[in-house]
Amino acid sequence: MPRLVLVSLLCGLLFAQQKQKQQNPATTQPQIMVNNPAQQQTEPEETPADLLIRVPVDFVVAPVLVFDRSGNYVNGIRPDQFRLWDNDKQQVIQVDETFTPISMVIAIQSNAHVEALLPYVRRIGNLVTPLLVGEQGEVAIIAYDHRIRTLQEFTSDPVKITEAVKKISPGSYSNCMIDAVVEGTRMLRRVPRNRRRILMVVGETRDLGSQSRARETLIGLQLANVMFYGVDMSRFITTLTAPPPVPRPDNRPPAMANLPGIVPATPTSVAQAYGLNSGRAEFIPLMLEILRDVKAIFKDNPVELFTKGTGGSEFGFHSNRTLEEAMEKVGEQLHSEYTISYQPTNRDQSGFHEIAIDVLGHTDVKRVQHRPGYWLGPETLKANGSEHERP
């Protein structure tokens, strides 16, 4: 008898619930019928490093510097005297005989470690237009420590450029140089294709704290046809003149402290300490190793990687005079280049495309400096936080 009563009660409850649902059909499936924006915002999004993007390359720009046996620039070369090969396949090229207007981003390190050299840097604003870009050029200024600050958007006004450089002040101890290169590349991708895209970094050759990786940053520079120049601050000077960092409290007992090690003075350690160019005789094998490695690869001097990977150059300074000399050398190169462009006829070949350029009819030509090549992914390529576009 009690079981019969219990079954009757359960049947009554089920019947009542079913009747209530029939009377209120709007409340049966609210999650399916209603699009809830707040719920969509709370869903986990893919990180930029996980996004897959296509990287088509249909237009390649290869600025070229030609040197004679004395190291001087060779001028007056006719367009028909240049020959260019892309992966051993000769290409139909176009050589611009007139001066192409320049769009330049100047990224300046402004952390506490280089505070002693910043007074020299603040004086270069009035040299940018006459030495680097000319009257038809435009310049944007960014500063970086642990953050990336845009001090001046693209402008052709020398007064605004000078005032923006004077605003630079020391910040934290971080040095997110690679992140600054990513931001500068993003800014340069917005300028028209018919302008030369130049990115110049004034700072140390090391990176401390960037979220971006050198590999993807170099690929971004190559895809956007950006030429990179480094004006290197001497690490020796910055180390001697840097203010001591605020020490963190050490709660360890004395017995747990490590004894200081002795680092031998090898050519590699000296080059890293002084910020000198390692002077590799052959750069393409190193760049191939970096481009093929999906994971982050350690390189103490990313400036060398970016300059050689884009066909640019780097110059060092430690005083006001040497900084002005470095600016003059950069400007001399910019105004001595031949700009070669072409549409690759072998875009179906994935991987690294090596570029080779020869000059015919000049017996005094000793060396031709240009970008070693570019990376073309098979179908997709992982991004580093910056969207790649058709260069």
Foldseek 3Di string as FASTA:
>chain_A
DVVVVVVVVVVVVVVVVVVVCVVPVCPPCVPVVDDDVVVVVPDDDDDLLPDKDAQFEFKAKKKKFFAFPVRDTDDDADPVQKWKDWQNHTFDKDWDPDAFAAEEEEEEEAALLCQVCLVLQLPCLLVCAVQAGHQRYWYWYWYDFLDIGTQGATDSDSVSSSVSSNPRHHHHHFFQPLVNLLVLLLSLLPDDPRHAAEYEYEEAQFGGNHLFFLQQSLQSCRQSLYAYEYAHEFLQLSVVPRDDDDDDDDPDPPVPDDDDDDDDDDVVVVCLNGVHDPDDPDCVVVSLVSNVDSDGDDDGGSSNVNNQQFQHYYHYDHDSVSSVVRSNVNSVSSVSIIMMMGTDPPSQDFFWIAMDMDGPDDPRTDDMTIRGTHGHHNTIDRHRNHDHDRD
